[in-house]
Amino acid sequence: MSGICTPITDMICVHGEYGGIAIHFQPGEKWEFQLDKSHHDRLIVHKNNRLSISLTVDKFYEVFDVEEHEK
């Protein structure tokens, strides 16, 4: 599963081993998503290959709306 998505929230807080960050979204911003090959229950969302987030499928649908699926 992969494609293009847009955020439906203003921001998301992401926590990891070394702390956390808040990522703020702009209205209409386009992000790409794909299946996380290391963790099949997660999706990787990235923008301009500079910022990427690994989210559970449920969390992905809380934060993003799918605009377009790629085959």
PDB file of N, CA and C in Angstrom:
ATOM      1  N   MET A   1       0.847  -1.171   0.000  1.00  0.00           N
ATOM      2  CA  MET A   1       0.000   0.000   0.000  1.00  0.00           C
ATOM      3  C   MET A   1       0.894   1.236   0.000  1.00  0.00           C
ATOM      4  N   SER A   2       0.625   2.148  -0.909  1.00  0.00           N
ATOM      5  CA  SER A   2       1.374   3.391  -0.980  1.00  0.00           C
ATOM      6  C   SER A   2       0.531   4.424  -1.706  1.00  0.00           C
ATOM      7  N   GLY A   3       0.950   5.688  -1.631  1.00  0.00           N
ATOM      8  CA  GLY A   3       0.227   6.737  -2.314  1.00  0.00           C
ATOM      9  C   GLY A   3       0.509   8.107  -1.744  1.00  0.00           C
ATOM     10  N   ILE A   4      -0.454   9.019  -1.956  1.00  0.00           N
ATOM     11  CA  ILE A   4      -0.347  10.401  -1.514  1.00  0.00           C
ATOM     12  C   ILE A   4      -1.429  10.652  -0.466  1.00  0.00           C
ATOM     13  N   CYS A   5      -1.073  11.394   0.594  1.00  0.00           N
ATOM     14  CA  CYS A   5      -2.039  11.706   1.637  1.00  0.00           C
ATOM     15  C   CYS A   5      -1.871  13.154   2.082  1.00  0.00           C
ATOM     16  N   THR A   6      -2.892  13.675   2.750  1.00  0.00           N
ATOM     17  CA  THR A   6      -2.846  15.021   3.316  1.00  0.00           C
ATOM     18  C   THR A   6      -3.237  14.932   4.791  1.00  0.00           C
ATOM     19  N   PRO A   7      -2.635  15.772   5.623  1.00  0.00           N
ATOM     20  CA  PRO A   7      -2.959  15.737   7.051  1.00  0.00           C
ATOM     21  C   PRO A   7      -4.362  16.280   7.319  1.00  0.00           C
ATOM     22  N   ILE A   8      -5.031  15.696   8.311  1.00  0.00           N
ATOM     23  CA  ILE A   8      -6.344  16.182   8.722  1.00  0.00           C
ATOM     24  C   ILE A   8      -6.277  16.758  10.133  1.00  0.00           C
ATOM     25  N   THR A   9      -5.073  16.875  10.675  1.00  0.00           N
ATOM     26  CA  THR A   9      -4.844  17.503  11.973  1.00  0.00           C
ATOM     27  C   THR A   9      -3.802  18.608  11.801  1.00  0.00           C
ATOM     28  N   ASP A  10      -3.687  19.471  12.785  1.00  0.00           N
ATOM     29  CA  ASP A  10      -2.711  20.565  12.733  1.00  0.00           C
ATOM     30  C   ASP A  10      -1.292  20.102  13.043  1.00  0.00           C
ATOM     31  N   MET A  11      -1.178  19.062  13.892  1.00  0.00           N
ATOM     32  CA  MET A  11       0.144  18.587  14.303  1.00  0.00           C
ATOM     33  C   MET A  11       0.057  17.180  14.867  1.00  0.00           C
ATOM     34  N   ILE A  12       1.232  16.584  15.029  1.00  0.00           N
ATOM     35  CA  ILE A  12       1.350  15.276  15.672  1.00  0.00           C
ATOM     36  C   ILE A  12       2.605  15.305  16.534  1.00  0.00           C
ATOM     37  N   CYS A  13       2.542  14.675  17.686  1.00  0.00           N
ATOM     38  CA  CYS A  13       3.719  14.525  18.547  1.00  0.00           C
ATOM     39  C   CYS A  13       4.228  13.102  18.362  1.00  0.00           C
ATOM     40  N   VAL A  14       5.520  12.981  18.080  1.00  0.00           N
ATOM     41  CA  VAL A  14       6.145  11.685  17.840  1.00  0.00           C
ATOM     42  C   VAL A  14       7.206  11.473  18.909  1.00  0.00           C
ATOM     43  N   HIS A  15       7.135  10.340  19.603  1.00  0.00           N
ATOM     44  CA  HIS A  15       8.075  10.024  20.672  1.00  0.00           C
ATOM     45  C   HIS A  15       8.890   8.809  20.290  1.00  0.00           C
ATOM     46  N   GLY A  16      10.164   8.827  20.653  1.00  0.00           N
ATOM     47  CA  GLY A  16      11.045   7.703  20.380  1.00  0.00           C
ATOM     48  C   GLY A  16      11.984   7.469  21.539  1.00  0.00           C
ATOM     49  N   GLU A  17      12.992   6.660  21.314  1.00  0.00           N
ATOM     50  CA  GLU A  17      13.967   6.333  22.356  1.00  0.00           C
ATOM     51  C   GLU A  17      14.684   7.557  22.907  1.00  0.00           C
ATOM     52  N   TYR A  18      14.920   8.532  22.065  1.00  0.00           N
ATOM     53  CA  TYR A  18      15.742   9.670  22.445  1.00  0.00           C
ATOM     54  C   TYR A  18      14.952  10.950  22.661  1.00  0.00           C
ATOM     55  N   GLY A  19      13.655  10.843  22.869  1.00  0.00           N
ATOM     56  CA  GLY A  19      12.831  12.019  23.103  1.00  0.00           C
ATOM     57  C   GLY A  19      11.698  12.097  22.100  1.00  0.00           C
ATOM     58  N   GLY A  20      11.184  13.290  21.912  1.00  0.00           N
ATOM     59  CA  GLY A  20      10.065  13.457  21.008  1.00  0.00           C
ATOM     60  C   GLY A  20      10.105  14.809  20.314  1.00  0.00           C
ATOM     61  N   ILE A  21       9.297  14.919  19.280  1.00  0.00           N
ATOM     62  CA  ILE A  21       9.175  16.179  18.554  1.00  0.00           C
ATOM     63  C   ILE A  21       7.707  16.389  18.185  1.00  0.00           C
ATOM     64  N   ALA A  22       7.352  17.635  17.949  1.00  0.00           N
ATOM     65  CA  ALA A  22       6.021  17.963  17.437  1.00  0.00           C
ATOM     66  C   ALA A  22       6.191  18.369  15.975  1.00  0.00           C
ATOM     67  N   ILE A  23       5.408  17.771  15.108  1.00  0.00           N
ATOM     68  CA  ILE A  23       5.454  18.099  13.686  1.00  0.00           C
ATOM     69  C   ILE A  23       4.166  18.835  13.350  1.00  0.00           C
ATOM     70  N   HIS A  24       4.311  20.075  12.873  1.00  0.00           N
ATOM     71  CA  HIS A  24       3.170  20.903  12.507  1.00  0.00           C
ATOM     72  C   HIS A  24       2.920  20.784  11.011  1.00  0.00           C
ATOM     73  N   PHE A  25       1.659  20.659  10.641  1.00  0.00           N
ATOM     74  CA  PHE A  25       1.280  20.495   9.243  1.00  0.00           C
ATOM     75  C   PHE A  25       0.671  21.780   8.702  1.00  0.00           C
ATOM     76  N   GLN A  26       0.844  21.994   7.398  1.00  0.00           N
ATOM     77  CA  GLN A  26       0.227  23.104   6.688  1.00  0.00           C
ATOM     78  C   GLN A  26      -1.019  22.577   5.969  1.00  0.00           C
ATOM     79  N   PRO A  27      -2.084  23.365   5.898  1.00  0.00           N
ATOM     80  CA  PRO A  27      -3.284  22.923   5.177  1.00  0.00           C
ATOM     81  C   PRO A  27      -2.955  22.589   3.717  1.00  0.00           C
ATOM     82  N   GLY A  28      -3.465  21.465   3.249  1.00  0.00           N
ATOM     83  CA  GLY A  28      -3.266  21.052   1.864  1.00  0.00           C
ATOM     84  C   GLY A  28      -1.919  20.452   1.545  1.00  0.00           C
ATOM     85  N   GLU A  29      -1.060  20.304   2.546  1.00  0.00           N
ATOM     86  CA  GLU A  29       0.278  19.742   2.359  1.00  0.00           C
ATOM     87  C   GLU A  29       0.175  18.294   1.858  1.00  0.00           C
ATOM     88  N   LYS A  30       0.977  17.921   0.896  1.00  0.00           N
ATOM     89  CA  LYS A  30       0.975  16.564   0.344  1.00  0.00           C
ATOM     90  C   LYS A  30       2.132  15.764   0.948  1.00  0.00           C
ATOM     91  N   TRP A  31       1.846  14.564   1.406  1.00  0.00           N
ATOM     92  CA  TRP A  31       2.828  13.635   1.938  1.00  0.00           C
ATOM     93  C   TRP A  31       2.695  12.332   1.159  1.00  0.00           C
ATOM     94  N   GLU A  32       3.777  11.587   1.068  1.00  0.00           N
ATOM     95  CA  GLU A  32       3.745  10.261   0.458  1.00  0.00           C
ATOM     96  C   GLU A  32       3.752   9.227   1.565  1.00  0.00           C
ATOM     97  N   PHE A  33       3.097   8.090   1.329  1.00  0.00           N
ATOM     98  CA  PHE A  33       3.118   7.019   2.322  1.00  0.00           C
ATOM     99  C   PHE A  33       3.375   5.686   1.642  1.00  0.00           C
ATOM    100  N   GLN A  34       3.909   4.755   2.429  1.00  0.00           N
ATOM    101  CA  GLN A  34       4.174   3.402   1.947  1.00  0.00           C
ATOM    102  C   GLN A  34       4.212   2.459   3.131  1.00  0.00           C
ATOM    103  N   LEU A  35       4.070   1.181   2.860  1.00  0.00           N
ATOM    104  CA  LEU A  35       4.143   0.164   3.900  1.00  0.00           C
ATOM    105  C   LEU A  35       5.553   0.132   4.476  1.00  0.00           C
ATOM    106  N   ASP A  36       5.660   0.046   5.794  1.00  0.00           N
ATOM    107  CA  ASP A  36       6.945  -0.091   6.467  1.00  0.00           C
ATOM    108  C   ASP A  36       7.382  -1.544   6.322  1.00  0.00           C
ATOM    109  N   LYS A  37       8.394  -1.802   5.523  1.00  0.00           N
ATOM    110  CA  LYS A  37       8.816  -3.176   5.229  1.00  0.00           C
ATOM    111  C   LYS A  37       9.404  -3.891   6.440  1.00  0.00           C
ATOM    112  N   SER A  38       9.875  -3.135   7.422  1.00  0.00           N
ATOM    113  CA  SER A  38      10.421  -3.739   8.641  1.00  0.00           C
ATOM    114  C   SER A  38       9.322  -4.109   9.637  1.00  0.00           C
ATOM    115  N   HIS A  39       8.236  -3.346   9.614  1.00  0.00           N
ATOM    116  CA  HIS A  39       7.126  -3.544  10.551  1.00  0.00           C
ATOM    117  C   HIS A  39       5.841  -3.513   9.737  1.00  0.00           C
ATOM    118  N   HIS A  40       5.279  -4.652   9.434  1.00  0.00           N
ATOM    119  CA  HIS A  40       4.147  -4.745   8.510  1.00  0.00           C
ATOM    120  C   HIS A  40       2.841  -4.191   9.068  1.00  0.00           C
ATOM    121  N   ASP A  41       2.833  -3.814  10.359  1.00  0.00           N
ATOM    122  CA  ASP A  41       1.629  -3.203  10.930  1.00  0.00           C
ATOM    123  C   ASP A  41       1.742  -1.682  10.964  1.00  0.00           C
ATOM    124  N   ARG A  42       2.735  -1.133  10.251  1.00  0.00           N
ATOM    125  CA  ARG A  42       2.980   0.313  10.268  1.00  0.00           C
ATOM    126  C   ARG A  42       3.115   0.858   8.851  1.00  0.00           C
ATOM    127  N   LEU A  43       2.917   2.156   8.721  1.00  0.00           N
ATOM    128  CA  LEU A  43       3.127   2.865   7.456  1.00  0.00           C
ATOM    129  C   LEU A  43       4.170   3.954   7.682  1.00  0.00           C
ATOM    130  N   ILE A  44       4.986   4.194   6.677  1.00  0.00           N
ATOM    131  CA  ILE A  44       5.950   5.293   6.717  1.00  0.00           C
ATOM    132  C   ILE A  44       5.381   6.428   5.878  1.00  0.00           C
ATOM    133  N   VAL A  45       5.322   7.598   6.474  1.00  0.00           N
ATOM    134  CA  VAL A  45       4.834   8.794   5.794  1.00  0.00           C
ATOM    135  C   VAL A  45       6.035   9.728   5.652  1.00  0.00           C
ATOM    136  N   HIS A  46       6.270  10.250   4.439  1.00  0.00           N
ATOM    137  CA  HIS A  46       7.427  11.132   4.257  1.00  0.00           C
ATOM    138  C   HIS A  46       7.097  12.299   3.343  1.00  0.00           C
ATOM    139  N   LYS A  47       7.885  13.363   3.532  1.00  0.00           N
ATOM    140  CA  LYS A  47       7.712  14.579   2.749  1.00  0.00           C
ATOM    141  C   LYS A  47       9.078  15.006   2.229  1.00  0.00           C
ATOM    142  N   ASN A  48       9.200  15.120   0.929  1.00  0.00           N
ATOM    143  CA  ASN A  48      10.430  15.591   0.286  1.00  0.00           C
ATOM    144  C   ASN A  48      11.661  14.779   0.674  1.00  0.00           C
ATOM    145  N   ASN A  49      11.467  13.533   1.088  1.00  0.00           N
ATOM    146  CA  ASN A  49      12.572  12.645   1.482  1.00  0.00           C
ATOM    147  C   ASN A  49      13.460  13.252   2.562  1.00  0.00           C
ATOM    148  N   ARG A  50      12.955  14.266   3.291  1.00  0.00           N
ATOM    149  CA  ARG A  50      13.740  14.882   4.361  1.00  0.00           C
ATOM    150  C   ARG A  50      13.155  14.587   5.733  1.00  0.00           C
ATOM    151  N   LEU A  51      11.875  14.314   5.788  1.00  0.00           N
ATOM    152  CA  LEU A  51      11.199  14.055   7.045  1.00  0.00           C
ATOM    153  C   LEU A  51      10.321  12.828   6.875  1.00  0.00           C
ATOM    154  N   SER A  52      10.483  11.847   7.745  1.00  0.00           N
ATOM    155  CA  SER A  52       9.634  10.655   7.663  1.00  0.00           C
ATOM    156  C   SER A  52       9.149  10.267   9.054  1.00  0.00           C
ATOM    157  N   ILE A  53       7.960   9.687   9.086  1.00  0.00           N
ATOM    158  CA  ILE A  53       7.322   9.266  10.328  1.00  0.00           C
ATOM    159  C   ILE A  53       6.816   7.845  10.121  1.00  0.00           C
ATOM    160  N   SER A  54       7.074   6.969  11.074  1.00  0.00           N
ATOM    161  CA  SER A  54       6.530   5.618  11.044  1.00  0.00           C
ATOM    162  C   SER A  54       5.348   5.577  12.009  1.00  0.00           C
ATOM    163  N   LEU A  55       4.163   5.253  11.476  1.00  0.00           N
ATOM    164  CA  LEU A  55       2.941   5.261  12.272  1.00  0.00           C
ATOM    165  C   LEU A  55       2.220   3.919  12.168  1.00  0.00           C
ATOM    166  N   THR A  56       1.526   3.539  13.237  1.00  0.00           N
ATOM    167  CA  THR A  56       0.648   2.381  13.120  1.00  0.00           C
ATOM    168  C   THR A  56      -0.441   2.732  12.112  1.00  0.00           C
ATOM    169  N   VAL A  57      -1.073   1.728  11.544  1.00  0.00           N
ATOM    170  CA  VAL A  57      -2.117   1.964  10.552  1.00  0.00           C
ATOM    171  C   VAL A  57      -3.258   2.786  11.173  1.00  0.00           C
ATOM    172  N   ASP A  58      -3.650   2.455  12.406  1.00  0.00           N
ATOM    173  CA  ASP A  58      -4.721   3.205  13.070  1.00  0.00           C
ATOM    174  C   ASP A  58      -4.345   4.670  13.254  1.00  0.00           C
ATOM    175  N   LYS A  59      -3.132   4.929  13.712  1.00  0.00           N
ATOM    176  CA  LYS A  59      -2.682   6.314  13.920  1.00  0.00           C
ATOM    177  C   LYS A  59      -2.593   7.059  12.589  1.00  0.00           C
ATOM    178  N   PHE A  60      -2.153   6.376  11.536  1.00  0.00           N
ATOM    179  CA  PHE A  60      -2.085   6.991  10.212  1.00  0.00           C
ATOM    180  C   PHE A  60      -3.454   7.555   9.823  1.00  0.00           C
ATOM    181  N   TYR A  61      -4.518   6.751  10.000  1.00  0.00           N
ATOM    182  CA  TYR A  61      -5.856   7.192   9.609  1.00  0.00           C
ATOM    183  C   TYR A  61      -6.428   8.250  10.549  1.00  0.00           C
ATOM    184  N   GLU A  62      -5.870   8.407  11.766  1.00  0.00           N
ATOM    185  CA  GLU A  62      -6.261   9.497  12.658  1.00  0.00           C
ATOM    186  C   GLU A  62      -5.653  10.822  12.207  1.00  0.00           C
ATOM    187  N   VAL A  63      -4.499  10.755  11.533  1.00  0.00           N
ATOM    188  CA  VAL A  63      -3.736  11.955  11.191  1.00  0.00           C
ATOM    189  C   VAL A  63      -3.847  12.336   9.719  1.00  0.00           C
ATOM    190  N   PHE A  64      -3.993  11.355   8.831  1.00  0.00           N
ATOM    191  CA  PHE A  64      -3.950  11.607   7.389  1.00  0.00           C
ATOM    192  C   PHE A  64      -5.200  11.098   6.678  1.00  0.00           C
ATOM    193  N   ASP A  65      -5.500  11.747   5.565  1.00  0.00           N
ATOM    194  CA  ASP A  65      -6.556  11.338   4.657  1.00  0.00           C
ATOM    195  C   ASP A  65      -5.882  10.932   3.343  1.00  0.00           C
ATOM    196  N   VAL A  66      -6.227   9.767   2.827  1.00  0.00           N
ATOM    197  CA  VAL A  66      -5.603   9.280   1.595  1.00  0.00           C
ATOM    198  C   VAL A  66      -6.197  10.016   0.397  1.00  0.00           C
ATOM    199  N   GLU A  67      -5.324  10.655  -0.391  1.00  0.00           N
ATOM    200  CA  GLU A  67      -5.734  11.376  -1.588  1.00  0.00           C
ATOM    201  C   GLU A  67      -5.705  10.457  -2.817  1.00  0.00           C
ATOM    202  N   GLU A  68      -4.666   9.618  -2.873  1.00  0.00           N
ATOM    203  CA  GLU A  68      -4.442   8.811  -4.069  1.00  0.00           C
ATOM    204  C   GLU A  68      -3.667   7.554  -3.696  1.00  0.00           C
ATOM    205  N   HIS A  69      -4.141   6.398  -4.151  1.00  0.00           N
ATOM    206  CA  HIS A  69      -3.428   5.127  -3.947  1.00  0.00           C
ATOM    207  C   HIS A  69      -2.586   4.830  -5.188  1.00  0.00           C
ATOM    208  N   GLU A  70      -1.379   4.324  -4.974  1.00  0.00           N
ATOM    209  CA  GLU A  70      -0.538   3.876  -6.082  1.00  0.00           C
ATOM    210  C   GLU A  70      -0.619   2.366  -6.145  1.00  0.00           C
ATOM    211  N   LYS A  71      -0.450   1.850  -7.325  1.00  0.00           N
ATOM    212  CA  LYS A  71      -0.516   0.391  -7.504  1.00  0.00           C
ATOM    213  C   LYS A  71       0.857  -0.218  -7.524  1.00  0.00           C
TER     214      LYS A  71
END
